[in-house]
Amino acid sequence: MSDLDIKNAVSAIEEVLAAQLPRVEGLGDMEKFVARKFAAQFARYKADIN
């Protein structure tokens, strides 16, 4: 994958996360934990590739 492919994939994932995170409030504790854990892992991954 080229850097552009990776950045495009990151942008697509960010859009999905941004659309889903407001809905986290309606979820149970376990779902909130998983959503936040994924968002944190993704942020670390994004920092590594930038």
N, C-alpha and C. Protein backbone atom coordinates (compact mmCIF):
# COMPACT_ATOMS: atom_id res chain seq x y z
N MET A 1 0.85 -1.19 0.00
CA MET A 1 0.00 0.00 0.00
C MET A 1 0.88 1.24 0.00
N SER A 2 0.48 2.19 -0.79
CA SER A 2 1.22 3.45 -0.79
C SER A 2 0.76 4.32 0.39
N ASP A 3 1.53 5.36 0.66
CA ASP A 3 1.15 6.29 1.73
C ASP A 3 -0.22 6.89 1.46
N LEU A 4 -0.51 7.18 0.19
CA LEU A 4 -1.81 7.76 -0.16
C LEU A 4 -2.94 6.78 0.13
N ASP A 5 -2.74 5.51 -0.20
CA ASP A 5 -3.75 4.48 0.11
C ASP A 5 -4.02 4.41 1.60
N ILE A 6 -2.94 4.44 2.38
CA ILE A 6 -3.08 4.37 3.84
C ILE A 6 -3.83 5.59 4.35
N LYS A 7 -3.46 6.77 3.87
CA LYS A 7 -4.13 8.00 4.33
C LYS A 7 -5.60 8.00 3.94
N ASN A 8 -5.92 7.49 2.75
CA ASN A 8 -7.33 7.39 2.33
C ASN A 8 -8.09 6.42 3.23
N ALA A 9 -7.46 5.31 3.57
CA ALA A 9 -8.11 4.34 4.46
C ALA A 9 -8.33 4.95 5.84
N VAL A 10 -7.34 5.69 6.33
CA VAL A 10 -7.46 6.35 7.63
C VAL A 10 -8.61 7.35 7.60
N SER A 11 -8.71 8.13 6.53
CA SER A 11 -9.80 9.10 6.41
C SER A 11 -11.16 8.42 6.41
N ALA A 12 -11.26 7.31 5.71
CA ALA A 12 -12.53 6.58 5.66
C ALA A 12 -12.90 6.06 7.05
N ILE A 13 -11.93 5.52 7.77
CA ILE A 13 -12.20 5.01 9.12
C ILE A 13 -12.57 6.16 10.04
N GLU A 14 -11.89 7.31 9.91
CA GLU A 14 -12.22 8.47 10.74
C GLU A 14 -13.66 8.91 10.52
N GLU A 15 -14.10 8.90 9.27
CA GLU A 15 -15.48 9.30 8.97
C GLU A 15 -16.48 8.36 9.64
N VAL A 16 -16.20 7.07 9.59
CA VAL A 16 -17.09 6.10 10.24
C VAL A 16 -17.10 6.31 11.75
N LEU A 17 -15.92 6.50 12.33
CA LEU A 17 -15.84 6.74 13.78
C LEU A 17 -16.59 8.00 14.17
N ALA A 18 -16.40 9.07 13.41
CA ALA A 18 -17.07 10.33 13.73
C ALA A 18 -18.58 10.18 13.67
N ALA A 19 -19.06 9.37 12.74
CA ALA A 19 -20.50 9.16 12.62
C ALA A 19 -21.03 8.29 13.76
N GLN A 20 -20.21 7.38 14.27
CA GLN A 20 -20.66 6.44 15.28
C GLN A 20 -20.49 6.93 16.71
N LEU A 21 -19.47 7.73 16.98
CA LEU A 21 -19.18 8.12 18.36
C LEU A 21 -20.34 8.84 19.06
N PRO A 22 -21.11 9.70 18.38
CA PRO A 22 -22.25 10.31 19.09
C PRO A 22 -23.26 9.27 19.57
N ARG A 23 -23.30 8.14 18.92
CA ARG A 23 -24.25 7.08 19.29
C ARG A 23 -23.78 6.27 20.49
N VAL A 24 -22.53 6.46 20.87
CA VAL A 24 -21.98 5.68 21.99
C VAL A 24 -22.79 5.92 23.26
N GLU A 25 -23.34 7.12 23.42
CA GLU A 25 -24.09 7.45 24.63
C GLU A 25 -25.29 6.54 24.84
N GLY A 26 -25.86 6.01 23.76
CA GLY A 26 -27.01 5.14 23.88
C GLY A 26 -26.66 3.68 24.14
N LEU A 27 -25.38 3.40 24.23
CA LEU A 27 -24.94 2.02 24.38
C LEU A 27 -24.71 1.66 25.85
N GLY A 28 -24.59 0.38 26.10
CA GLY A 28 -24.27 -0.09 27.45
C GLY A 28 -22.79 0.13 27.76
N ASP A 29 -22.43 -0.14 28.99
CA ASP A 29 -21.05 0.09 29.44
C ASP A 29 -20.03 -0.69 28.62
N MET A 30 -20.32 -1.94 28.30
CA MET A 30 -19.36 -2.75 27.54
C MET A 30 -19.17 -2.19 26.14
N GLU A 31 -20.26 -1.80 25.50
CA GLU A 31 -20.15 -1.24 24.15
C GLU A 31 -19.37 0.07 24.17
N LYS A 32 -19.61 0.91 25.18
CA LYS A 32 -18.86 2.17 25.30
C LYS A 32 -17.37 1.88 25.48
N PHE A 33 -17.06 0.89 26.32
CA PHE A 33 -15.66 0.53 26.56
C PHE A 33 -15.00 0.10 25.25
N VAL A 34 -15.66 -0.78 24.51
CA VAL A 34 -15.10 -1.28 23.25
C VAL A 34 -14.93 -0.15 22.24
N ALA A 35 -15.93 0.72 22.13
CA ALA A 35 -15.84 1.83 21.17
C ALA A 35 -14.69 2.77 21.52
N ARG A 36 -14.54 3.08 22.80
CA ARG A 36 -13.46 3.99 23.21
C ARG A 36 -12.10 3.32 23.07
N LYS A 37 -12.04 2.03 23.36
CA LYS A 37 -10.78 1.28 23.23
C LYS A 37 -10.35 1.26 21.76
N PHE A 38 -11.29 1.01 20.86
CA PHE A 38 -10.98 1.01 19.43
C PHE A 38 -10.52 2.39 18.98
N ALA A 39 -11.22 3.44 19.42
CA ALA A 39 -10.86 4.80 19.03
C ALA A 39 -9.45 5.14 19.52
N ALA A 40 -9.10 4.70 20.72
CA ALA A 40 -7.76 4.97 21.26
C ALA A 40 -6.69 4.20 20.47
N GLN A 41 -6.97 2.95 20.15
CA GLN A 41 -6.02 2.15 19.36
C GLN A 41 -5.83 2.78 17.98
N PHE A 42 -6.92 3.22 17.39
CA PHE A 42 -6.86 3.83 16.07
C PHE A 42 -6.04 5.12 16.12
N ALA A 43 -6.21 5.91 17.17
CA ALA A 43 -5.45 7.16 17.31
C ALA A 43 -3.95 6.86 17.39
N ARG A 44 -3.59 5.80 18.13
CA ARG A 44 -2.17 5.42 18.23
C ARG A 44 -1.65 4.96 16.86
N TYR A 45 -2.44 4.18 16.14
CA TYR A 45 -2.05 3.71 14.81
C TYR A 45 -1.85 4.89 13.88
N LYS A 46 -2.77 5.84 13.92
CA LYS A 46 -2.68 7.01 13.04
C LYS A 46 -1.42 7.81 13.36
N ALA A 47 -1.10 7.96 14.63
CA ALA A 47 0.11 8.70 15.02
C ALA A 47 1.36 7.99 14.48
N ASP A 48 1.33 6.66 14.48
CA ASP A 48 2.48 5.89 13.99
C ASP A 48 2.70 6.07 12.50
N ILE A 49 1.63 6.19 11.71
CA ILE A 49 1.82 6.27 10.26
C ILE A 49 2.02 7.71 9.78
N ASN A 50 1.75 8.68 10.63
CA ASN A 50 1.97 10.08 10.24
C ASN A 50 3.31 10.53 10.64
